[in-house]
Protein backbone atom coordinates (compact mmCIF):
# COMPACT_ATOMS: atom_id res chain seq x y z
CA UNK A 1 144.59 50.01 43.09
CA UNK A 2 144.92 47.55 41.00
CA UNK A 3 143.50 48.75 37.58
CA UNK A 4 140.70 46.56 37.06
CA UNK A 5 138.87 47.31 40.28
CA UNK A 6 139.41 51.23 39.37
CA UNK A 7 137.95 50.48 35.92
CA UNK A 8 134.29 48.35 37.77
CA UNK A 9 134.17 51.27 39.81
CA UNK A 10 134.09 54.04 37.08
CA UNK A 11 131.62 51.81 34.88
CA UNK A 12 129.38 51.03 38.01
CA UNK A 13 129.44 55.44 39.23
CA UNK A 14 129.03 56.48 34.92
CA UNK A 15 126.22 53.57 34.46
CA UNK A 16 128.51 51.63 32.68
CA UNK A 17 129.74 54.24 29.94
CA UNK A 18 133.23 55.49 30.50
CA UNK A 19 135.92 56.60 28.41
CA UNK A 20 138.79 54.72 28.43
CA UNK A 21 141.12 57.94 28.47
CA UNK A 22 139.43 59.03 31.52
CA UNK A 23 140.51 55.61 33.21
CA UNK A 24 144.42 56.70 32.41
CA UNK A 25 143.96 60.19 33.83
CA UNK A 26 142.31 58.85 37.37
CA UNK A 27 145.82 56.46 37.22
CA UNK A 28 147.82 59.37 37.38
CA UNK A 29 145.70 61.09 39.83
CA UNK A 30 148.00 60.75 42.93
CA UNK A 31 147.82 57.67 45.74
CA UNK A 32 145.03 60.30 47.80
CA UNK A 33 142.59 60.00 45.41
CA UNK A 34 143.25 56.62 44.85
CA UNK A 35 142.70 55.65 48.12
CA UNK A 36 139.87 57.91 48.19
CA UNK A 37 137.67 56.01 45.19
CA UNK A 38 138.69 52.63 46.68
CA UNK A 39 136.89 53.58 49.87
CA UNK A 40 134.02 55.52 47.96
CA UNK A 41 133.75 52.00 45.86
CA UNK A 42 133.39 50.12 48.98
CA UNK A 43 130.35 52.58 50.13
CA UNK A 44 128.54 52.33 47.17
CA UNK A 45 128.87 48.98 47.29
CA UNK A 46 127.76 47.92 50.62
CA UNK A 47 124.84 50.90 50.88
CA UNK A 48 123.32 48.43 47.13
CA UNK A 49 123.80 45.22 49.59
CA UNK A 50 121.91 47.10 52.15
CA UNK A 51 119.03 48.63 49.80
CA UNK A 52 118.59 45.13 48.31
CA UNK A 53 117.95 43.81 51.46
CA UNK A 54 114.58 46.34 52.19
CA UNK A 55 112.22 47.30 50.05
CA UNK A 56 112.02 50.79 49.03
CA UNK A 57 109.34 51.73 51.49
CA UNK A 58 111.01 50.51 54.81
CA UNK A 59 112.90 52.84 56.87
CA UNK A 60 116.57 52.07 57.04
CA UNK A 61 118.31 52.63 60.30
CA UNK A 62 120.70 55.35 61.27
CA UNK A 63 123.99 53.42 60.98
CA UNK A 64 122.72 53.30 57.06
CA UNK A 65 123.19 57.23 56.54
CA UNK A 66 125.87 57.39 58.72
CA UNK A 67 127.70 55.06 55.59
CA UNK A 68 126.05 57.82 53.12
CA UNK A 69 127.75 60.24 55.08
CA UNK A 70 131.07 58.57 54.34
CA UNK A 71 130.53 59.33 50.54
CA UNK A 72 131.40 62.42 50.90
CA UNK A 73 134.64 64.39 51.82
CA UNK A 74 133.42 67.55 54.48
CA UNK A 75 135.40 68.00 56.92
CA UNK A 76 134.92 66.02 59.97
CA UNK A 77 134.57 69.04 62.46
CA UNK A 78 131.89 71.23 59.87
CA UNK A 79 128.01 70.75 60.68
CA UNK A 80 127.02 72.01 57.25
CA UNK A 81 123.40 73.27 56.91
CA UNK A 82 123.68 75.22 53.89
CA UNK A 83 122.38 72.89 51.12
CA UNK A 84 119.83 75.55 49.86
CA UNK A 85 122.63 77.42 48.17
CA UNK A 86 124.92 75.32 47.76
CA UNK A 87 126.00 71.33 48.35
CA UNK A 88 129.16 69.07 48.55
CA UNK A 89 129.17 66.29 45.42
CA UNK A 90 129.71 62.78 46.36
CA UNK A 91 133.18 61.50 46.15
CA UNK A 92 131.86 59.40 43.16
CA UNK A 93 130.86 62.67 41.38
CA UNK A 94 134.03 64.84 42.41
CA UNK A 95 136.31 61.68 40.56
CA UNK A 96 134.04 62.04 37.57
CA UNK A 97 134.75 65.73 37.10
CA UNK A 98 138.56 65.41 37.81
CA UNK A 99 138.82 62.44 35.70
CA UNK A 100 137.65 64.19 32.76
CA UNK A 101 138.98 67.81 33.84
CA UNK A 102 142.13 66.00 33.61
CA UNK A 103 141.61 64.15 30.28
CA UNK A 104 140.71 67.31 28.03
CA UNK A 105 143.66 69.19 29.68
CA UNK A 106 145.48 66.21 28.72
CA UNK A 107 144.05 66.07 24.85
CA UNK A 108 141.85 69.38 24.31
CA UNK A 109 141.69 67.84 20.45
CA UNK A 110 138.39 67.83 19.12
CA UNK A 111 138.64 63.89 18.17
CA UNK A 112 139.20 63.04 22.31
CA UNK A 113 136.37 65.87 23.00
CA UNK A 114 133.64 64.31 20.64
CA UNK A 115 132.95 61.42 23.77
CA UNK A 116 131.34 64.21 25.16
CA UNK A 117 127.95 64.64 22.93
CA UNK A 118 127.59 60.73 23.84
CA UNK A 119 128.06 61.85 27.98
CA UNK A 120 125.84 64.70 27.29
CA UNK A 121 122.69 62.65 25.90
CA UNK A 122 123.15 60.18 28.73
CA UNK A 123 122.97 62.91 31.54
CA UNK A 124 119.77 64.11 29.45
CA UNK A 125 118.62 60.98 29.24
CA UNK A 126 119.09 60.07 33.19
CA UNK A 127 117.55 63.49 34.19
CA UNK A 128 114.34 63.21 32.29
CA UNK A 129 114.29 59.66 34.00
CA UNK A 130 114.64 61.14 37.33
CA UNK A 131 112.33 63.94 36.90
CA UNK A 132 109.77 62.34 34.73
CA UNK A 133 110.11 63.88 31.40
CA UNK A 134 110.83 62.80 28.29
CA UNK A 135 114.14 63.51 27.04
CA UNK A 136 113.25 65.75 24.37
CA UNK A 137 111.89 68.15 27.56
CA UNK A 138 115.03 68.54 28.90
CA UNK A 139 117.67 71.27 28.59
CA UNK A 140 120.92 71.40 30.53
CA UNK A 141 121.47 74.59 31.29
CA UNK A 142 124.38 76.39 33.75
CA UNK A 143 122.11 76.52 36.70
CA UNK A 144 118.61 78.20 37.79
CA UNK A 145 119.42 81.62 37.21
CA UNK A 146 119.82 80.87 33.17
CA UNK A 147 116.91 78.52 32.89
CA UNK A 148 114.50 80.90 34.52
CA UNK A 149 116.38 83.62 32.36
CA UNK A 150 115.17 81.78 29.35
CA UNK A 151 111.50 81.78 30.04
CA UNK A 152 111.67 85.21 30.86
CA UNK A 153 112.98 86.29 27.86
CA UNK A 154 111.70 83.86 25.83
CA UNK A 155 107.87 84.37 25.99
CA UNK A 156 105.92 86.66 23.55
CA UNK A 157 104.92 89.11 26.33
CA UNK A 158 103.52 92.88 25.90
CA UNK A 159 100.90 95.34 26.67
CA UNK A 160 97.82 94.58 28.28
CA UNK A 161 99.56 90.69 28.91
CA UNK A 162 99.84 90.03 33.10
CA UNK A 163 102.69 87.92 35.07
CA UNK A 164 101.52 86.94 38.49
CA UNK A 165 104.33 85.47 40.73
CA UNK A 166 105.24 84.72 44.30
CA UNK A 167 106.33 87.47 46.60
CA UNK A 168 108.78 84.91 47.64
CA UNK A 169 110.01 84.04 44.37
CA UNK A 170 114.30 84.18 43.88
CA UNK A 171 114.94 87.63 42.06
CA UNK A 172 116.35 85.41 39.12
CA UNK A 173 112.18 84.72 38.73
CA UNK A 174 111.10 88.15 40.41
CA UNK A 175 112.81 90.99 39.88
CA UNK A 176 114.14 89.61 36.15
CA UNK A 177 110.05 90.05 35.46
CA UNK A 178 109.98 93.71 36.31
CA UNK A 179 112.96 94.29 34.33
CA UNK A 180 111.84 92.81 31.25
CA UNK A 181 108.16 94.48 31.58
CA UNK A 182 109.71 97.94 31.54
CA UNK A 183 110.89 96.81 28.31
CA UNK A 184 107.91 95.50 26.90
CA UNK A 185 104.80 96.83 29.16
CA UNK A 186 103.26 94.16 30.24
CA UNK A 187 101.91 94.02 34.36
CA UNK A 188 104.02 92.29 36.76
CA UNK A 189 101.32 91.17 39.57
CA UNK A 190 102.69 89.81 42.80
CA UNK A 191 100.75 87.57 45.43
CA UNK A 192 101.43 87.44 49.27
CA UNK A 193 100.70 84.02 51.24
CA UNK A 194 99.60 83.97 54.81
CA UNK A 195 102.51 83.83 57.46
CA UNK A 196 102.77 80.16 58.93
CA UNK A 197 100.04 78.76 57.03
CA UNK A 198 98.01 75.74 57.49
CA UNK A 199 96.93 74.34 54.88
CA UNK A 200 96.89 74.61 50.96
CA UNK A 201 93.74 76.24 50.63
CA UNK A 202 95.45 79.23 52.40
CA UNK A 203 98.38 79.36 50.02
CA UNK A 204 96.30 78.91 46.67
CA UNK A 205 93.76 81.36 47.58
CA UNK A 206 95.71 84.52 46.92
CA UNK A 207 96.90 83.05 43.70
CA UNK A 208 93.22 82.58 42.62
CA UNK A 209 91.98 86.45 43.22
CA UNK A 210 95.10 87.84 41.21
CA UNK A 211 94.11 85.89 37.79
CA UNK A 212 92.62 87.50 35.17
CA UNK A 213 91.77 86.31 31.42
CA UNK A 214 95.14 88.80 30.80
CA UNK A 215 96.81 86.03 32.91
CA UNK A 216 99.70 84.48 30.35
CA UNK A 217 101.71 82.91 33.52
CA UNK A 218 101.87 81.99 36.96
CA UNK A 219 105.39 81.48 38.16
CA UNK A 220 106.52 80.48 41.68
CA UNK A 221 109.10 78.85 43.87
CA UNK A 222 108.20 75.15 44.54
CA UNK A 223 109.75 75.66 48.26
CA UNK A 224 110.65 79.31 49.49
CA UNK A 225 114.27 80.08 49.75
CA UNK A 226 113.34 82.81 52.18
CA UNK A 227 110.72 81.04 54.41
CA UNK A 228 110.72 76.83 53.39
CA UNK A 229 106.96 77.17 52.53
CA UNK A 230 106.29 74.62 49.88
CA UNK A 231 103.40 75.68 47.54
CA UNK A 232 101.26 72.83 46.11
CA UNK A 233 102.92 72.81 42.75
CA UNK A 234 100.20 70.35 41.13
CA UNK A 235 97.06 72.34 42.15
CA UNK A 236 98.69 75.78 41.20
CA UNK A 237 99.45 74.37 37.79
CA UNK A 238 96.04 73.13 37.46
CA UNK A 239 94.84 76.45 38.42
CA UNK A 240 96.89 78.87 35.69
CA UNK A 241 95.99 75.97 33.16
CA UNK A 242 92.54 76.50 33.69
CA UNK A 243 92.71 80.17 33.25
CA UNK A 244 94.21 79.66 30.01
CA UNK A 245 97.75 80.12 31.63
CA UNK A 246 101.16 79.14 31.81
CA UNK A 247 102.69 77.91 34.90
CA UNK A 248 106.32 78.06 36.11
CA UNK A 249 108.15 76.33 38.66
CA UNK A 250 110.99 77.34 40.15
CA UNK A 251 112.53 74.17 41.47
CA UNK A 252 116.08 75.17 42.97
CA UNK A 253 114.77 74.21 46.19
CA UNK A 254 113.00 70.93 45.38
CA UNK A 255 115.33 69.46 42.43
CA UNK A 256 117.03 66.64 44.39
CA UNK A 257 115.20 66.37 47.79
CA UNK A 258 111.33 66.29 46.84
CA UNK A 259 110.14 63.35 44.46
CA UNK A 260 109.69 65.75 41.60
CA UNK A 261 107.14 64.30 38.36
CA UNK A 262 106.86 67.02 35.96
CA UNK A 263 104.59 65.14 34.45
CA UNK A 264 102.11 64.68 37.30
CA UNK A 265 103.01 68.35 38.68
CA UNK A 266 101.77 69.63 34.71
CA UNK A 267 103.86 72.16 34.73
CA UNK A 268 105.39 74.02 31.36
CA UNK A 269 108.22 75.03 32.56
CA UNK A 270 110.61 73.70 35.41
CA UNK A 271 113.98 75.03 36.62
CA UNK A 272 116.86 73.88 38.73
CA UNK A 273 120.53 73.86 39.52
CA UNK A 274 122.52 71.10 39.71
CA UNK A 275 124.83 72.55 42.89
CA UNK A 276 122.03 72.47 45.58
CA UNK A 277 120.51 69.63 46.49
CA UNK A 278 121.00 67.83 43.55
CA UNK A 279 124.48 66.87 45.04
CA UNK A 280 126.05 67.73 41.54
CA UNK A 281 128.26 69.50 39.68
CA UNK A 282 128.72 73.11 39.64
CA UNK A 283 128.14 75.08 36.44
CA UNK A 284 125.00 72.48 35.46
CA UNK A 285 121.11 73.29 35.68
CA UNK A 286 118.17 72.36 34.32
CA UNK A 287 115.43 73.46 31.98
CA UNK A 288 112.53 71.55 31.47
CA UNK A 289 109.93 73.15 28.66
CA UNK A 290 107.11 71.10 28.03
CA UNK A 291 106.43 69.35 24.54
CA UNK A 292 103.62 71.05 23.74
CA UNK A 293 105.12 74.61 24.77
CA UNK A 294 108.72 74.04 22.98
CA UNK A 295 107.37 76.15 20.17
CA UNK A 296 105.95 78.92 22.16
CA UNK A 297 109.10 79.68 23.89
CA UNK A 298 111.99 81.75 21.87
CA UNK A 299 115.84 81.22 23.03
CA UNK A 300 118.25 83.33 24.74
CA UNK A 301 120.92 81.83 23.24
CA UNK A 302 121.73 80.92 19.55
CA UNK A 303 125.70 79.62 18.57
CA UNK A 304 126.69 76.87 16.83
CA UNK A 305 124.87 73.70 16.39
CA UNK A 306 121.38 75.89 16.69
CA UNK A 307 120.49 74.23 12.89
CA UNK A 308 120.41 70.58 14.60
CA UNK A 309 118.80 71.66 18.31
CA UNK A 310 116.07 73.48 16.69
CA UNK A 311 115.14 70.40 15.60
CA UNK A 312 115.05 68.63 18.92
CA UNK A 313 112.84 69.64 21.52
CA UNK A 314 114.28 71.43 24.25
CA UNK A 315 117.56 70.94 22.94
CA UNK A 316 117.07 74.75 21.43
CA UNK A 317 117.68 76.39 25.01
CA UNK A 318 121.28 74.79 25.65
CA UNK A 319 123.05 75.92 22.72
CA UNK A 320 125.24 77.93 24.47
CA UNK A 321 128.72 77.95 23.39
CA UNK A 322 131.91 76.54 24.75
CA UNK A 323 131.40 75.00 28.70
CA UNK A 324 132.52 72.46 30.93
CA UNK A 325 132.04 69.32 29.16
CA UNK A 326 132.90 67.30 32.86
CA UNK A 327 129.98 69.20 34.66
CA UNK A 328 127.48 67.64 32.13
CA UNK A 329 128.98 64.44 31.91
CA UNK A 330 128.53 64.26 35.78
CA UNK A 331 124.97 64.95 36.22
CA UNK A 332 124.68 61.20 35.13
CA UNK A 333 127.08 60.34 38.10
CA UNK A 334 124.74 62.64 40.68
CA UNK A 335 121.40 60.53 39.07
CA UNK A 336 122.94 57.25 39.36
CA UNK A 337 123.95 58.42 43.18
CA UNK A 338 120.78 59.13 43.89
CA UNK A 339 119.57 55.70 42.37
CA UNK A 340 122.01 54.05 44.49
CA UNK A 341 120.46 55.44 47.40
CA UNK A 342 116.69 55.79 45.98
CA UNK A 343 114.53 58.98 45.59
CA UNK A 344 111.52 58.02 48.21
CA UNK A 345 114.28 57.31 50.88
CA UNK A 346 116.31 61.16 50.05
CA UNK A 347 113.00 62.63 50.33
CA UNK A 348 111.70 60.73 53.11
CA UNK A 349 115.42 61.30 54.99
CA UNK A 350 115.21 65.04 54.03
CA UNK A 351 112.09 65.28 55.52
CA UNK A 352 112.97 63.98 58.70
CA UNK A 353 116.14 65.62 59.59
CA UNK A 354 114.02 68.76 58.68
CA UNK A 355 111.22 67.95 61.15
CA UNK A 356 113.45 67.11 63.85
CA UNK A 357 115.61 70.09 63.22
CA UNK A 358 112.33 72.13 63.79
CA UNK A 359 110.79 69.75 66.39
CA UNK A 360 114.24 70.08 68.76
CA UNK A 361 114.38 73.63 68.12
CA UNK A 362 111.01 74.35 69.31
CA UNK A 363 111.24 71.97 72.26
CA UNK A 364 114.58 73.24 73.82
CA UNK A 365 114.09 76.92 72.92
CA UNK A 366 110.30 78.17 73.96
CA UNK A 367 109.60 81.34 72.23
CA UNK A 368 111.43 80.54 68.69
CA UNK A 369 109.65 82.13 65.90
CA UNK A 370 109.63 79.71 62.93
CA UNK A 371 108.67 81.22 59.30
CA UNK A 372 108.99 77.03 58.32
CA UNK A 373 105.80 75.22 58.30
CA UNK A 374 105.92 72.14 60.98
CA UNK A 375 103.50 69.87 58.45
CA UNK A 376 105.64 67.80 56.11
CA UNK A 377 103.18 68.58 53.22
CA UNK A 378 103.69 72.79 53.96
CA UNK A 379 107.73 72.37 53.74
CA UNK A 380 110.57 70.85 52.49
CA UNK A 381 114.08 70.76 53.44
CA UNK A 382 114.34 74.58 54.18
CA UNK A 383 114.35 75.78 57.83
CA UNK A 384 114.10 79.16 58.81
CA UNK A 385 113.67 80.18 62.42
CA UNK A 386 114.74 83.23 64.78
CA UNK A 387 115.27 82.37 68.73
CA UNK A 388 113.42 84.83 71.24
CA UNK A 389 115.77 87.46 71.59
CA UNK A 390 118.68 86.66 68.60
CA UNK A 391 120.12 88.80 66.41
CA UNK A 392 120.20 86.88 63.06
CA UNK A 393 123.19 87.77 61.69
CA UNK A 394 125.39 87.41 64.82
CA UNK A 395 123.56 84.34 65.17
CA UNK A 396 124.80 82.86 61.75
CA UNK A 397 128.06 84.24 62.38
CA UNK A 398 128.95 82.59 65.82
CA UNK A 399 127.32 79.39 64.80
CA UNK A 400 130.08 78.38 62.00
CA UNK A 401 132.78 80.55 64.04
CA UNK A 402 132.48 78.65 67.53
CA UNK A 403 130.56 75.47 66.52
CA UNK A 404 131.43 74.71 62.83
CA UNK A 405 127.89 75.37 62.00
CA UNK A 406 127.66 76.72 58.12
CA UNK A 407 123.90 78.23 57.28
CA UNK A 408 122.58 81.52 56.49
CA UNK A 409 121.43 84.76 57.69
CA UNK A 410 117.74 85.97 56.56
CA UNK A 411 116.47 89.50 56.31
CA UNK A 412 113.67 91.29 56.12
CA UNK A 413 110.16 89.72 56.46
CA UNK A 414 111.57 86.05 57.30
CA UNK A 415 114.34 87.31 59.65
CA UNK A 416 116.34 84.50 61.20
CA UNK A 417 118.75 81.61 60.49
CA UNK A 418 118.29 79.26 57.53
CA UNK A 419 119.44 75.61 57.97
CA UNK A 420 119.07 73.03 55.47
CA UNK A 421 119.86 69.12 56.55
CA UNK A 422 120.76 67.04 53.70
CA UNK A 423 121.75 63.12 53.47
CA UNK A 424 124.99 63.87 54.44
CA UNK A 425 123.68 64.80 57.83
CA UNK A 426 123.54 62.24 60.47
CA UNK A 427 120.69 62.51 63.71
CA UNK A 428 123.34 63.57 65.42
CA UNK A 429 124.40 66.10 63.80
CA UNK A 430 121.16 67.69 64.03
CA UNK A 431 121.63 67.05 68.12
CA UNK A 432 125.01 69.12 67.21
CA UNK A 433 123.57 71.98 65.58
CA UNK A 434 120.54 72.15 68.01
CA UNK A 435 123.20 72.15 70.79
CA UNK A 436 124.84 74.92 69.51
CA UNK A 437 121.63 77.42 68.68
CA UNK A 438 120.47 76.61 72.49
CA UNK A 439 124.28 77.53 73.54
CA UNK A 440 123.99 80.85 71.82
CA UNK A 441 120.86 82.08 71.59
């Protein structure tokens, strides 16, 4: 590939910021990577042209989404439906990670690595814009678990205080509170919401009933990873604040697939992982701390750079020691990929795919139990269901072994298979998945 073409692609992928050392690293990456980069450049260029032809609210056709799918390097025989756990990154993000990793391995000097400070700030600024926050409210951490742990360990809580949790929270936003309560003597209260909810009021009522003057924090998953239920985050945050409580939103299942505006939601804390719906690098995540709340939260880690970080808002929560600088830099590349397609369009597509999956399974397999609501305002991209007479774990295994469908098996109160489509899936993929489940159920 010609150098000027390569440089043009890299600059597009990085938003105009790329180190010359990274370009030379790509040059030595091999012909296979060069071919992939060429193809990715063509795909993104074509996608941008298509976006310019339609308004942001217009619905694009299926050929557009087939083009988007080609931006990923997924095996052609794999029907990947596991976005709630781990997503592939687009080729542009893969190439950015590869280039910067090679760059550091070739020259690990402090002088060469100094560029990462600027790339980290670029990622922070782009994340802030993407999530509707200010840069001083954003800390780039390792994942949702690390972000949750910062809040769990950072608030001043003791005897007489209460923390109200949704009983569908992930363990890092549930059991972690029990462990800390055991040490410091505060009370953990869990809220159960109705199965198959039909309105926001049904979801809000149990939280309202649990609040007391002692409630210091209300913490909940934006979208449940075990049922697929989506909570009305803005109204829950308003309810918590009216009670004088902090509000924390675990965004592991909303960051990257829903239109998230943190200032609009009004939460005090928001957490998320880059490796799920955001389609970003592994070992990178986000912690949002509302500007007025930063001083009320103690950091979990204190290390080199603390003196400067503590003066700059949420940056004091990312003094984590040595880390994968390439992953942090690739967060900006991922945001740029989302902008290429459009946040609104991605959110609409995820809902379209999830709705088609639920509708198809319901029509083809009458009697299927759905834990996930059909209403788009009560759900996200997570679909949890169990065909009548099926064993969830057996179905999960056979779907992958016999049909190449990668999902998850859920147990407990929400026993079923979990299928989570994303923008690298097409409607043809959805039809294939439905056929696969029908053949095994």
